[in-house]
Protein backbone atom coordinates (compact mmCIF):
# COMPACT_ATOMS: atom_id res chain seq x y z
CA UNK A 1 67.66 111.41 71.79
CA UNK A 2 68.64 114.52 69.86
CA UNK A 3 68.08 116.73 72.91
CA UNK A 4 70.49 114.57 74.90
CA UNK A 5 73.08 114.86 72.12
CA UNK A 6 72.71 118.64 72.21
CA UNK A 7 73.16 118.67 75.99
CA UNK A 8 76.25 116.48 75.61
CA UNK A 9 77.61 118.87 72.95
CA UNK A 10 77.21 121.79 75.32
CA UNK A 11 79.25 119.94 77.94
CA UNK A 12 82.02 119.30 75.41
CA UNK A 13 82.12 122.97 74.46
CA UNK A 14 81.73 124.68 77.82
CA UNK A 15 83.48 122.30 80.22
CA UNK A 16 86.02 120.46 78.09
CA UNK A 17 86.96 123.07 75.52
CA UNK A 18 86.61 120.77 72.50
CA UNK A 19 87.12 122.35 69.09
CA UNK A 20 84.19 123.11 66.77
CA UNK A 21 85.45 120.45 64.37
CA UNK A 22 85.51 117.75 67.07
CA UNK A 23 82.09 118.80 68.36
CA UNK A 24 80.59 118.65 64.87
CA UNK A 25 82.10 115.19 64.23
CA UNK A 26 80.91 113.70 67.55
CA UNK A 27 77.40 115.12 67.23
CA UNK A 28 77.16 113.86 63.65
CA UNK A 29 78.25 110.38 64.75
CA UNK A 30 75.71 110.30 67.58
CA UNK A 31 72.85 111.52 65.39
CA UNK A 32 73.75 108.74 62.96
CA UNK A 33 73.67 106.24 65.84
CA UNK A 34 70.32 107.54 67.11
CA UNK A 35 68.78 107.26 63.63
CA UNK A 36 70.07 103.68 63.24
CA UNK A 37 68.77 102.66 66.67
CA UNK A 38 65.35 104.10 65.92
CA UNK A 39 65.16 102.44 62.51
CA UNK A 40 66.65 99.02 63.25
CA UNK A 41 66.15 98.49 66.98
CA UNK A 42 63.01 100.54 67.64
CA UNK A 43 64.89 102.43 70.36
CA UNK A 44 64.19 106.15 70.77
CA UNK A 45 65.57 106.78 74.24
CA UNK A 46 69.22 106.58 75.36
CA UNK A 47 68.02 105.17 78.69
CA UNK A 48 66.97 101.93 77.02
CA UNK A 49 69.91 101.36 74.66
CA UNK A 50 71.54 97.99 75.34
CA UNK A 51 75.17 96.92 74.80
CA UNK A 52 73.92 94.47 72.16
CA UNK A 53 72.23 97.26 70.18
CA UNK A 54 75.35 99.42 70.33
CA UNK A 55 77.42 96.46 69.13
CA UNK A 56 75.00 95.84 66.25
CA UNK A 57 75.37 99.48 65.18
CA UNK A 58 79.15 99.21 65.10
CA UNK A 59 78.99 95.95 63.16
CA UNK A 60 76.64 97.59 60.64
CA UNK A 61 79.13 100.41 60.18
CA UNK A 62 81.96 97.95 59.60
CA UNK A 63 80.23 96.83 56.41
CA UNK A 64 79.85 100.37 55.07
CA UNK A 65 83.50 100.93 54.07
CA UNK A 66 84.23 103.43 56.84
CA UNK A 67 87.91 103.99 57.54
CA UNK A 68 89.23 102.41 60.74
CA UNK A 69 89.93 105.87 62.17
CA UNK A 70 86.31 106.92 61.52
CA UNK A 71 84.97 103.80 63.24
CA UNK A 72 87.24 104.40 66.22
CA UNK A 73 86.02 108.01 66.47
CA UNK A 74 82.36 106.94 66.34
CA UNK A 75 82.93 104.50 69.18
CA UNK A 76 84.72 107.21 71.17
CA UNK A 77 81.75 109.55 70.70
CA UNK A 78 79.33 106.86 71.89
CA UNK A 79 81.49 106.01 74.91
CA UNK A 80 81.72 109.66 75.91
CA UNK A 81 77.96 110.04 75.61
CA UNK A 82 77.40 106.93 77.75
CA UNK A 83 79.65 108.32 80.49
CA UNK A 84 77.84 111.65 80.24
CA UNK A 85 74.54 109.85 80.85
CA UNK A 86 75.99 108.18 83.96
CA UNK A 87 77.38 111.48 85.28
CA UNK A 88 74.01 113.16 84.76
CA UNK A 89 72.28 110.20 86.46
CA UNK A 90 70.19 109.52 83.38
CA UNK A 91 71.49 105.94 83.48
CA UNK A 92 73.14 103.87 86.19
CA UNK A 93 75.21 101.77 83.80
CA UNK A 94 77.68 102.48 81.00
CA UNK A 95 76.23 100.50 78.08
CA UNK A 96 79.52 100.84 76.16
CA UNK A 97 81.78 99.44 78.88
CA UNK A 98 82.31 96.08 77.20
CA UNK A 99 82.45 97.31 73.60
CA UNK A 100 85.72 96.89 71.73
CA UNK A 101 86.70 99.08 68.84
CA UNK A 102 88.62 98.37 65.64
CA UNK A 103 92.38 98.07 65.93
CA UNK A 104 93.78 101.40 64.82
CA UNK A 105 96.98 100.91 62.87
CA UNK A 106 99.01 104.09 62.65
CA UNK A 107 100.41 104.77 59.23
CA UNK A 108 103.86 106.24 58.85
CA UNK A 109 103.16 109.84 57.82
CA UNK A 110 104.36 111.19 54.51
CA UNK A 111 107.03 113.84 54.69
CA UNK A 112 109.57 115.80 52.73
CA UNK A 113 113.32 115.42 52.66
CA UNK A 114 115.41 118.32 53.93
CA UNK A 115 116.35 119.14 50.34
CA UNK A 116 112.70 119.24 49.29
CA UNK A 117 111.87 121.52 52.22
CA UNK A 118 114.70 123.88 51.21
CA UNK A 119 113.32 124.09 47.67
CA UNK A 120 109.77 124.59 48.90
CA UNK A 121 110.73 127.43 51.24
CA UNK A 122 112.71 129.13 48.47
CA UNK A 123 109.82 128.92 45.99
CA UNK A 124 108.10 132.26 46.80
CA UNK A 125 110.16 134.61 44.64
CA UNK A 126 110.19 138.41 44.55
CA UNK A 127 109.75 141.24 46.99
CA UNK A 128 106.05 142.04 46.65
CA UNK A 129 103.64 141.68 49.56
CA UNK A 130 102.36 138.28 48.44
CA UNK A 131 105.84 136.81 48.18
CA UNK A 132 106.81 138.23 51.58
CA UNK A 133 103.67 136.80 53.15
CA UNK A 134 104.04 133.37 51.57
CA UNK A 135 107.75 133.15 52.40
CA UNK A 136 107.06 133.99 56.06
CA UNK A 137 104.12 131.57 56.10
CA UNK A 138 106.13 128.60 54.82
CA UNK A 139 109.15 129.38 57.01
CA UNK A 140 106.97 129.55 60.12
CA UNK A 141 105.04 126.43 59.14
CA UNK A 142 108.21 124.35 58.95
CA UNK A 143 109.94 126.06 61.88
CA UNK A 144 107.06 125.50 64.30
CA UNK A 145 105.29 122.32 63.19
CA UNK A 146 101.89 123.94 63.75
CA UNK A 147 98.64 122.35 62.66
CA UNK A 148 97.00 124.01 59.65
CA UNK A 149 94.16 125.36 61.81
CA UNK A 150 96.66 126.75 64.34
CA UNK A 151 98.66 128.51 61.64
CA UNK A 152 95.55 129.98 59.99
CA UNK A 153 94.27 131.31 63.32
CA UNK A 154 97.57 132.68 64.59
CA UNK A 155 97.33 136.23 65.97
CA UNK A 156 99.89 138.99 66.43
CA UNK A 157 99.54 138.81 70.21
CA UNK A 158 100.80 135.22 70.14
CA UNK A 159 104.17 136.19 68.67
CA UNK A 160 107.28 137.08 70.63
CA UNK A 161 109.88 137.58 67.93
CA UNK A 162 112.39 139.18 70.26
CA UNK A 163 112.65 135.97 72.28
CA UNK A 164 111.97 133.68 69.32
CA UNK A 165 108.79 131.86 70.31
CA UNK A 166 105.02 131.89 69.93
CA UNK A 167 102.12 130.79 72.11
CA UNK A 168 99.65 128.38 70.55
CA UNK A 169 96.19 127.38 71.69
CA UNK A 170 95.71 123.89 70.27
CA UNK A 171 93.26 121.05 70.75
CA UNK A 172 91.21 121.30 73.91
CA UNK A 173 92.25 124.96 74.24
CA UNK A 174 95.58 123.80 75.66
CA UNK A 175 98.31 126.41 75.52
CA UNK A 176 101.86 125.54 74.54
CA UNK A 177 105.03 127.48 73.75
CA UNK A 178 106.72 126.75 70.43
CA UNK A 179 110.19 128.03 69.49
CA UNK A 180 110.59 129.86 66.18
CA UNK A 181 113.88 129.52 64.33
CA UNK A 182 116.07 132.37 63.19
CA UNK A 183 115.12 132.24 59.51
CA UNK A 184 111.42 132.20 60.32
CA UNK A 185 111.86 135.15 62.68
CA UNK A 186 113.69 137.12 59.95
CA UNK A 187 111.03 136.31 57.34
CA UNK A 188 108.24 137.30 59.74
CA UNK A 189 109.88 140.62 60.61
CA UNK A 190 110.21 141.53 56.94
CA UNK A 191 106.60 140.50 56.22
CA UNK A 192 105.14 142.34 59.22
CA UNK A 193 107.01 145.51 58.32
CA UNK A 194 106.78 145.55 54.53
CA UNK A 195 104.16 142.98 53.53
CA UNK A 196 101.28 142.81 55.97
CA UNK A 197 100.41 146.55 55.77
CA UNK A 198 99.53 145.97 52.10
CA UNK A 199 96.70 143.62 53.16
CA UNK A 200 95.33 145.63 56.09
CA UNK A 201 91.80 146.97 55.62
CA UNK A 202 89.43 148.96 57.83
CA UNK A 203 88.04 145.86 59.53
CA UNK A 204 91.24 143.82 59.68
CA UNK A 205 91.78 142.15 63.03
CA UNK A 206 94.90 140.75 64.65
CA UNK A 207 95.52 137.79 62.35
CA UNK A 208 99.13 137.52 61.19
CA UNK A 209 98.56 136.10 57.74
CA UNK A 210 96.00 138.07 55.75
CA UNK A 211 94.16 137.56 52.48
CA UNK A 212 93.90 140.20 49.77
CA UNK A 213 90.61 141.31 51.34
CA UNK A 214 92.21 141.85 54.73
CA UNK A 215 90.78 138.83 56.52
CA UNK A 216 92.64 135.84 57.96
CA UNK A 217 93.87 133.30 55.45
CA UNK A 218 91.56 130.28 55.31
CA UNK A 219 92.75 126.70 55.70
CA UNK A 220 91.70 126.12 52.08
CA UNK A 221 94.01 128.92 50.94
CA UNK A 222 96.87 127.46 53.00
CA UNK A 223 96.37 124.12 51.25
CA UNK A 224 96.43 125.88 47.89
CA UNK A 225 99.61 127.85 48.67
CA UNK A 226 101.54 124.78 49.84
CA UNK A 227 100.57 122.84 46.72
CA UNK A 228 101.33 125.82 44.47
CA UNK A 229 104.84 126.29 45.82
CA UNK A 230 105.53 122.55 45.92
CA UNK A 231 104.82 122.44 42.19
CA UNK A 232 107.00 125.52 41.64
CA UNK A 233 109.79 123.79 43.59
CA UNK A 234 109.63 120.80 41.24
CA UNK A 235 108.31 118.38 43.88
CA UNK A 236 106.34 116.08 41.63
CA UNK A 237 104.48 114.02 44.23
CA UNK A 238 101.48 115.61 45.87
CA UNK A 239 102.37 117.69 48.92
CA UNK A 240 99.85 118.38 51.67
CA UNK A 241 100.25 121.00 54.42
CA UNK A 242 100.44 118.47 57.27
CA UNK A 243 103.53 117.00 55.61
CA UNK A 244 105.43 120.09 56.74
CA UNK A 245 104.37 119.33 60.31
CA UNK A 246 105.51 115.73 59.92
CA UNK A 247 108.78 116.86 58.34
CA UNK A 248 109.38 119.28 61.21
CA UNK A 249 109.07 116.43 63.75
CA UNK A 250 111.03 113.87 61.77
CA UNK A 251 113.91 116.23 61.01
CA UNK A 252 114.15 117.27 64.66
CA UNK A 253 114.26 113.64 65.74
CA UNK A 254 116.86 112.83 63.09
CA UNK A 255 118.97 115.70 64.36
CA UNK A 256 118.96 114.31 67.91
CA UNK A 257 116.05 116.16 69.55
CA UNK A 258 114.39 114.57 72.58
CA UNK A 259 111.10 112.84 71.80
CA UNK A 260 109.30 114.44 74.74
CA UNK A 261 110.41 117.90 73.60
CA UNK A 262 108.98 117.15 70.17
CA UNK A 263 105.77 115.97 71.83
CA UNK A 264 105.45 119.30 73.64
CA UNK A 265 106.12 121.33 70.50
CA UNK A 266 103.57 119.36 68.48
CA UNK A 267 100.96 119.57 71.23
CA UNK A 268 100.38 115.81 71.41
CA UNK A 269 98.50 114.73 74.52
CA UNK A 270 100.21 111.32 74.53
CA UNK A 271 103.80 110.35 73.82
CA UNK A 272 102.50 107.34 71.89
CA UNK A 273 101.24 109.67 69.17
CA UNK A 274 104.69 111.20 68.78
CA UNK A 275 106.42 107.83 68.69
CA UNK A 276 105.27 107.27 65.10
CA UNK A 277 108.25 109.42 64.09
CA UNK A 278 110.67 106.95 65.66
CA UNK A 279 109.42 104.39 63.15
CA UNK A 280 110.17 106.84 60.37
CA UNK A 281 113.69 107.42 61.65
CA UNK A 282 114.31 103.69 62.11
CA UNK A 283 113.17 103.03 58.55
CA UNK A 284 115.51 105.73 57.25
CA UNK A 285 118.46 104.28 59.15
CA UNK A 286 117.78 100.79 57.82
CA UNK A 287 117.63 102.15 54.28
CA UNK A 288 120.88 104.05 54.74
CA UNK A 289 122.59 100.96 56.15
CA UNK A 290 121.35 98.81 53.27
CA UNK A 291 122.52 101.36 50.73
CA UNK A 292 125.96 102.24 52.05
CA UNK A 293 127.32 99.44 54.24
CA UNK A 294 129.93 97.46 52.27
CA UNK A 295 128.65 94.09 53.48
CA UNK A 296 125.22 94.80 52.01
CA UNK A 297 126.48 95.18 48.47
CA UNK A 298 126.42 92.43 45.86
CA UNK A 299 124.20 90.16 47.98
């Protein structure tokens, strides 16, 4: 069963361009499934797995306090493997065809107000290389709405500051063009000219944002920097990097941007994913109406 999982992983990598993180998660889920099937159903071959056994595995997981999103991902991994087996003619039937997953309820993402963003972006003080780097980093993060992994892996060749955009290779190796605002462009130009050379070492590559040792900034460091400057800006609640991405989308929508344009900039495959921000905007409007409309007072 493990050999089949490895073969399936190779297909995901070579033919579908899945990220390393997605590949690791799917393979981990399927190894977990294979171990459960061997232990509880006596099944050690994907060719003999029945829909009932797959259902029993999912029900067993439901009692183990897994998050709904994790359960949904595990079912997705199993469904993709089943279809792989049919394509490779290992099986004639898709044993997951009738399985139903948990209802995935999308939570309204946390985000910052425009005032909080302004304070956060102003937090890196001074003119040293670290301040120039961190200022450019935060400005670009909010201006582009990139994922943390996309920002950490951003290379010089992806930037076109003269025309104000960058090219991003997101999930599934899909390329998209993302505009970069004027303030972010200015901060990047200053950093690239006066800040980045301070971090360059003999083996430094083309990464834009560099660590003190000359390598690309890690995602862990990005998390630390966002939290550090949020605290310096006096934002008392915990701030996570993806909240800048959510704030980028919500503030664009609140300013009148088209939802499909926001979808393209975020790199969402489906418009449904982007529509969560309409719920955020609707909630904000209701709150504003309740607070300021004269007929809502003294009720």
